[in-house]
């Protein structure tokens, strides 16, 4: 059984979708949720879905003890709206086994501080004709890992950042679990 640890900082809609997708999977299972936000909605979702969770501090994330714990508990890491940078020692321990979803078509609108509504506002301000999602491997730099999958969605001149967010959310819910599954099974 391939064990996934999900890292999330916010409401957890993507985490819940991933957990549900792999609930009765024959070879992949979500075994843990980690968050750096003690008020994150993902905690309630993990509790309701009976997935163990832990709130971790930035200091703990960068500790050798946490890295060793993670190596024993998980085979694959999925970032689903996790706002802290993953330490290089964890990236080295999980080569091509950490993936992230970004709410834009990378390489545009990526990097430090470009997450959630910040991305959608920038896209609207720049009058982009399309947006989309990018699912990519995680490396030492924000949003610069090898892209695994992208899908676009057309935008209207009247779209607000909230409209863009809603369109992106649909793409995330539709694609993220399947791309995770395909990526994991390809690596085996």
C-alpha atoms as a PDB file:
ATOM      1  CA  UNK A   1       0.000   0.000   0.000  1.00  0.00           C
ATOM      2  CA  UNK A   2       1.392   3.386  -1.021  1.00  0.00           C
ATOM      3  CA  UNK A   3       0.845   5.895   1.772  1.00  0.00           C
ATOM      4  CA  UNK A   4       0.097   9.558   1.050  1.00  0.00           C
ATOM      5  CA  UNK A   5       0.623  12.398   3.514  1.00  0.00           C
ATOM      6  CA  UNK A   6      -1.313  15.537   2.610  1.00  0.00           C
ATOM      7  CA  UNK A   7      -0.017  18.950   3.655  1.00  0.00           C
ATOM      8  CA  UNK A   8      -2.631  21.743   3.694  1.00  0.00           C
ATOM      9  CA  UNK A   9      -2.966  25.181   5.285  1.00  0.00           C
ATOM     10  CA  UNK A  10      -6.543  26.176   4.488  1.00  0.00           C
ATOM     11  CA  UNK A  11     -10.094  24.955   4.132  1.00  0.00           C
ATOM     12  CA  UNK A  12      -9.113  21.514   2.878  1.00  0.00           C
ATOM     13  CA  UNK A  13     -11.512  21.036  -0.030  1.00  0.00           C
ATOM     14  CA  UNK A  14      -8.761  19.528  -2.176  1.00  0.00           C
ATOM     15  CA  UNK A  15      -7.562  17.380   0.729  1.00  0.00           C
ATOM     16  CA  UNK A  16     -11.084  16.048   1.297  1.00  0.00           C
ATOM     17  CA  UNK A  17     -11.494  15.304  -2.411  1.00  0.00           C
ATOM     18  CA  UNK A  18      -8.187  13.383  -2.425  1.00  0.00           C
ATOM     19  CA  UNK A  19      -9.066  11.447   0.744  1.00  0.00           C
ATOM     20  CA  UNK A  20     -12.444  10.448  -0.690  1.00  0.00           C
ATOM     21  CA  UNK A  21     -10.920   9.473  -4.041  1.00  0.00           C
ATOM     22  CA  UNK A  22      -8.481   7.049  -2.412  1.00  0.00           C
ATOM     23  CA  UNK A  23     -10.852   5.820   0.307  1.00  0.00           C
ATOM     24  CA  UNK A  24     -11.242   2.304  -1.109  1.00  0.00           C
ATOM     25  CA  UNK A  25      -8.301   2.280  -3.495  1.00  0.00           C
ATOM     26  CA  UNK A  26      -6.557  -1.059  -3.890  1.00  0.00           C
ATOM     27  CA  UNK A  27      -2.995   0.263  -3.625  1.00  0.00           C
ATOM     28  CA  UNK A  28      -3.004   3.921  -2.464  1.00  0.00           C
ATOM     29  CA  UNK A  29      -4.238   5.376   0.831  1.00  0.00           C
ATOM     30  CA  UNK A  30      -4.139   8.782   2.528  1.00  0.00           C
ATOM     31  CA  UNK A  31      -2.650   8.102   5.958  1.00  0.00           C
ATOM     32  CA  UNK A  32      -2.001  11.560   7.406  1.00  0.00           C
ATOM     33  CA  UNK A  33      -2.841  15.246   7.108  1.00  0.00           C
ATOM     34  CA  UNK A  34      -0.359  17.865   8.288  1.00  0.00           C
ATOM     35  CA  UNK A  35      -1.164  21.549   8.633  1.00  0.00           C
ATOM     36  CA  UNK A  36       0.742  24.576   9.844  1.00  0.00           C
ATOM     37  CA  UNK A  37      -2.485  26.405  10.727  1.00  0.00           C
ATOM     38  CA  UNK A  38      -4.246  25.454  13.982  1.00  0.00           C
ATOM     39  CA  UNK A  39      -7.452  27.070  12.640  1.00  0.00           C
ATOM     40  CA  UNK A  40      -7.401  25.430   9.204  1.00  0.00           C
ATOM     41  CA  UNK A  41     -10.655  23.923   7.942  1.00  0.00           C
ATOM     42  CA  UNK A  42      -8.691  20.867   6.836  1.00  0.00           C
ATOM     43  CA  UNK A  43      -8.548  19.783  10.510  1.00  0.00           C
ATOM     44  CA  UNK A  44     -12.339  19.405  10.746  1.00  0.00           C
ATOM     45  CA  UNK A  45     -12.361  17.550   7.433  1.00  0.00           C
ATOM     46  CA  UNK A  46      -9.601  15.160   8.547  1.00  0.00           C
ATOM     47  CA  UNK A  47     -11.432  14.481  11.833  1.00  0.00           C
ATOM     48  CA  UNK A  48     -14.723  13.833  10.048  1.00  0.00           C
ATOM     49  CA  UNK A  49     -13.036  11.507   7.558  1.00  0.00           C
ATOM     50  CA  UNK A  50     -11.087   9.751  10.341  1.00  0.00           C
ATOM     51  CA  UNK A  51      -7.670  10.623   8.954  1.00  0.00           C
ATOM     52  CA  UNK A  52      -4.974  11.308  11.565  1.00  0.00           C
ATOM     53  CA  UNK A  53      -3.772  14.911  11.505  1.00  0.00           C
ATOM     54  CA  UNK A  54      -1.138  17.007  13.185  1.00  0.00           C
ATOM     55  CA  UNK A  55      -0.560  20.739  13.442  1.00  0.00           C
ATOM     56  CA  UNK A  56       3.139  21.387  12.868  1.00  0.00           C
ATOM     57  CA  UNK A  57       5.131  24.549  13.399  1.00  0.00           C
ATOM     58  CA  UNK A  58       7.630  25.848  10.877  1.00  0.00           C
ATOM     59  CA  UNK A  59      10.388  24.893  13.310  1.00  0.00           C
ATOM     60  CA  UNK A  60       9.043  21.347  13.540  1.00  0.00           C
ATOM     61  CA  UNK A  61       8.722  21.105   9.744  1.00  0.00           C
ATOM     62  CA  UNK A  62      12.443  21.849   9.449  1.00  0.00           C
ATOM     63  CA  UNK A  63      13.482  19.403  12.178  1.00  0.00           C
ATOM     64  CA  UNK A  64      15.370  16.181  11.544  1.00  0.00           C
ATOM     65  CA  UNK A  65      12.923  14.364  13.829  1.00  0.00           C
ATOM     66  CA  UNK A  66       9.965  15.330  11.636  1.00  0.00           C
ATOM     67  CA  UNK A  67      11.823  14.296   8.467  1.00  0.00           C
ATOM     68  CA  UNK A  68      12.553  10.856   9.963  1.00  0.00           C
ATOM     69  CA  UNK A  69       8.952  10.532  11.173  1.00  0.00           C
ATOM     70  CA  UNK A  70       7.650  11.399   7.705  1.00  0.00           C
ATOM     71  CA  UNK A  71       9.986   8.876   6.056  1.00  0.00           C
ATOM     72  CA  UNK A  72       8.511   6.152   8.293  1.00  0.00           C
ATOM     73  CA  UNK A  73       4.873   7.163   7.849  1.00  0.00           C
ATOM     74  CA  UNK A  74       4.533   8.143   4.177  1.00  0.00           C
ATOM     75  CA  UNK A  75       5.698   7.114   0.732  1.00  0.00           C
ATOM     76  CA  UNK A  76       4.390  10.158  -1.134  1.00  0.00           C
ATOM     77  CA  UNK A  77       3.566  13.769  -0.195  1.00  0.00           C
ATOM     78  CA  UNK A  78       0.800  15.893  -1.714  1.00  0.00           C
ATOM     79  CA  UNK A  79       0.673  19.635  -1.135  1.00  0.00           C
ATOM     80  CA  UNK A  80      -2.936  20.802  -1.280  1.00  0.00           C
ATOM     81  CA  UNK A  81      -2.757  24.487  -0.466  1.00  0.00           C
ATOM     82  CA  UNK A  82       0.229  24.260   1.897  1.00  0.00           C
ATOM     83  CA  UNK A  83       1.759  27.696   2.335  1.00  0.00           C
ATOM     84  CA  UNK A  84       5.155  26.869   3.824  1.00  0.00           C
ATOM     85  CA  UNK A  85       8.161  26.028   1.689  1.00  0.00           C
ATOM     86  CA  UNK A  86       9.117  22.363   1.975  1.00  0.00           C
ATOM     87  CA  UNK A  87      12.611  21.955   3.479  1.00  0.00           C
ATOM     88  CA  UNK A  88      15.333  20.720   1.143  1.00  0.00           C
ATOM     89  CA  UNK A  89      16.074  17.701   3.362  1.00  0.00           C
ATOM     90  CA  UNK A  90      12.481  16.450   2.914  1.00  0.00           C
ATOM     91  CA  UNK A  91      12.696  17.070  -0.844  1.00  0.00           C
ATOM     92  CA  UNK A  92      15.890  14.976  -0.922  1.00  0.00           C
ATOM     93  CA  UNK A  93      14.206  12.212   1.102  1.00  0.00           C
ATOM     94  CA  UNK A  94      11.222  12.130  -1.298  1.00  0.00           C
ATOM     95  CA  UNK A  95      12.694  12.579  -4.800  1.00  0.00           C
ATOM     96  CA  UNK A  96       9.882  12.884  -7.371  1.00  0.00           C
ATOM     97  CA  UNK A  97       7.459  11.913  -4.609  1.00  0.00           C
ATOM     98  CA  UNK A  98       6.199  15.371  -3.614  1.00  0.00           C
ATOM     99  CA  UNK A  99       3.649  17.078  -5.834  1.00  0.00           C
ATOM    100  CA  UNK A 100       1.843  20.375  -5.590  1.00  0.00           C
ATOM    101  CA  UNK A 101      -1.108  21.960  -7.311  1.00  0.00           C
ATOM    102  CA  UNK A 102      -0.898  25.604  -8.356  1.00  0.00           C
ATOM    103  CA  UNK A 103      -3.960  27.671  -9.359  1.00  0.00           C
ATOM    104  CA  UNK A 104      -2.429  29.102 -12.528  1.00  0.00           C
ATOM    105  CA  UNK A 105      -0.602  28.055 -15.651  1.00  0.00           C
ATOM    106  CA  UNK A 106       3.018  27.969 -14.586  1.00  0.00           C
ATOM    107  CA  UNK A 107       5.507  29.446 -15.117  1.00  0.00           C
ATOM    108  CA  UNK A 108       3.292  32.549 -15.067  1.00  0.00           C
ATOM    109  CA  UNK A 109       1.914  33.647 -11.693  1.00  0.00           C
ATOM    110  CA  UNK A 110       4.152  31.390  -9.629  1.00  0.00           C
ATOM    111  CA  UNK A 111       6.643  32.031  -6.869  1.00  0.00           C
ATOM    112  CA  UNK A 112       6.638  33.240  -3.292  1.00  0.00           C
ATOM    113  CA  UNK A 113       3.412  34.978  -2.325  1.00  0.00           C
ATOM    114  CA  UNK A 114       1.534  33.769  -5.396  1.00  0.00           C
ATOM    115  CA  UNK A 115      -1.220  31.600  -3.971  1.00  0.00           C
ATOM    116  CA  UNK A 116      -5.002  31.576  -3.822  1.00  0.00           C
ATOM    117  CA  UNK A 117      -6.726  34.886  -4.464  1.00  0.00           C
ATOM    118  CA  UNK A 118      -3.388  36.669  -5.018  1.00  0.00           C
ATOM    119  CA  UNK A 119      -3.014  34.623  -8.210  1.00  0.00           C
ATOM    120  CA  UNK A 120      -6.606  35.152  -9.360  1.00  0.00           C
ATOM    121  CA  UNK A 121      -6.436  38.925  -8.766  1.00  0.00           C
ATOM    122  CA  UNK A 122      -3.206  39.173 -10.792  1.00  0.00           C
ATOM    123  CA  UNK A 123      -4.748  37.176 -13.634  1.00  0.00           C
ATOM    124  CA  UNK A 124      -7.821  39.455 -13.758  1.00  0.00           C
ATOM    125  CA  UNK A 125      -5.703  42.623 -13.488  1.00  0.00           C
ATOM    126  CA  UNK A 126      -3.582  41.439 -16.431  1.00  0.00           C
ATOM    127  CA  UNK A 127      -6.705  40.678 -18.478  1.00  0.00           C
ATOM    128  CA  UNK A 128      -5.633  37.107 -19.218  1.00  0.00           C
ATOM    129  CA  UNK A 129      -7.855  35.234 -21.679  1.00  0.00           C
ATOM    130  CA  UNK A 130      -7.319  31.913 -19.891  1.00  0.00           C
ATOM    131  CA  UNK A 131      -6.119  30.468 -16.642  1.00  0.00           C
ATOM    132  CA  UNK A 132      -5.840  26.940 -15.353  1.00  0.00           C
ATOM    133  CA  UNK A 133      -4.080  24.592 -12.995  1.00  0.00           C
ATOM    134  CA  UNK A 134      -0.550  23.241 -12.910  1.00  0.00           C
ATOM    135  CA  UNK A 135       0.329  20.071 -11.042  1.00  0.00           C
ATOM    136  CA  UNK A 136       4.073  19.762 -10.599  1.00  0.00           C
ATOM    137  CA  UNK A 137       6.841  18.056  -8.692  1.00  0.00           C
ATOM    138  CA  UNK A 138       8.228  20.083  -5.803  1.00  0.00           C
ATOM    139  CA  UNK A 139      11.841  21.199  -5.836  1.00  0.00           C
ATOM    140  CA  UNK A 140      13.775  23.718  -3.736  1.00  0.00           C
ATOM    141  CA  UNK A 141      12.184  26.730  -5.478  1.00  0.00           C
ATOM    142  CA  UNK A 142       8.562  27.857  -5.278  1.00  0.00           C
ATOM    143  CA  UNK A 143       6.541  26.553  -8.241  1.00  0.00           C
ATOM    144  CA  UNK A 144       9.579  25.660 -10.375  1.00  0.00           C
ATOM    145  CA  UNK A 145       9.454  21.858 -10.290  1.00  0.00           C
ATOM    146  CA  UNK A 146       8.814  19.820 -13.411  1.00  0.00           C
ATOM    147  CA  UNK A 147       5.210  20.177 -14.581  1.00  0.00           C
ATOM    148  CA  UNK A 148       3.255  16.917 -14.594  1.00  0.00           C
ATOM    149  CA  UNK A 149      -0.116  18.200 -15.826  1.00  0.00           C
ATOM    150  CA  UNK A 150      -1.860  21.404 -16.870  1.00  0.00           C
ATOM    151  CA  UNK A 151      -5.414  22.166 -17.879  1.00  0.00           C
ATOM    152  CA  UNK A 152      -6.785  25.498 -19.040  1.00  0.00           C
ATOM    153  CA  UNK A 153     -10.091  27.255 -18.667  1.00  0.00           C
ATOM    154  CA  UNK A 154     -11.230  30.255 -20.762  1.00  0.00           C
ATOM    155  CA  UNK A 155     -11.835  33.532 -18.981  1.00  0.00           C
ATOM    156  CA  UNK A 156     -14.276  36.288 -19.778  1.00  0.00           C
ATOM    157  CA  UNK A 157     -13.459  39.986 -19.637  1.00  0.00           C
ATOM    158  CA  UNK A 158     -16.191  40.268 -16.969  1.00  0.00           C
ATOM    159  CA  UNK A 159     -14.729  37.547 -14.704  1.00  0.00           C
ATOM    160  CA  UNK A 160     -13.861  38.684 -11.207  1.00  0.00           C
ATOM    161  CA  UNK A 161     -11.141  37.045  -9.092  1.00  0.00           C
ATOM    162  CA  UNK A 162     -13.948  35.075  -7.380  1.00  0.00           C
ATOM    163  CA  UNK A 163     -15.187  33.860 -10.781  1.00  0.00           C
ATOM    164  CA  UNK A 164     -11.665  32.739 -11.701  1.00  0.00           C
ATOM    165  CA  UNK A 165     -11.314  30.993  -8.333  1.00  0.00           C
ATOM    166  CA  UNK A 166     -14.554  29.086  -8.924  1.00  0.00           C
ATOM    167  CA  UNK A 167     -13.430  27.958 -12.377  1.00  0.00           C
ATOM    168  CA  UNK A 168     -10.050  26.854 -11.015  1.00  0.00           C
ATOM    169  CA  UNK A 169     -11.689  24.985  -8.139  1.00  0.00           C
ATOM    170  CA  UNK A 170     -13.684  22.900 -10.634  1.00  0.00           C
ATOM    171  CA  UNK A 171     -10.461  21.975 -12.475  1.00  0.00           C
ATOM    172  CA  UNK A 172      -8.742  21.081  -9.187  1.00  0.00           C
ATOM    173  CA  UNK A 173     -11.564  18.845  -8.009  1.00  0.00           C
ATOM    174  CA  UNK A 174     -11.813  17.111 -11.384  1.00  0.00           C
ATOM    175  CA  UNK A 175      -8.110  16.515 -12.010  1.00  0.00           C
ATOM    176  CA  UNK A 176      -5.955  16.515  -8.879  1.00  0.00           C
ATOM    177  CA  UNK A 177      -6.793  13.046  -7.450  1.00  0.00           C
ATOM    178  CA  UNK A 178      -6.512  11.324 -10.844  1.00  0.00           C
ATOM    179  CA  UNK A 179      -3.174  12.984 -11.619  1.00  0.00           C
ATOM    180  CA  UNK A 180      -1.904  11.961  -8.168  1.00  0.00           C
ATOM    181  CA  UNK A 181      -2.959   8.382  -8.840  1.00  0.00           C
ATOM    182  CA  UNK A 182      -1.387   8.308 -12.313  1.00  0.00           C
ATOM    183  CA  UNK A 183       1.838   9.864 -11.021  1.00  0.00           C
ATOM    184  CA  UNK A 184       2.163   7.439  -8.113  1.00  0.00           C
ATOM    185  CA  UNK A 185       1.422   4.374 -10.213  1.00  0.00           C
ATOM    186  CA  UNK A 186       3.872   5.521 -12.900  1.00  0.00           C
ATOM    187  CA  UNK A 187       6.631   5.824 -10.273  1.00  0.00           C
ATOM    188  CA  UNK A 188       6.128   2.227  -9.104  1.00  0.00           C
END
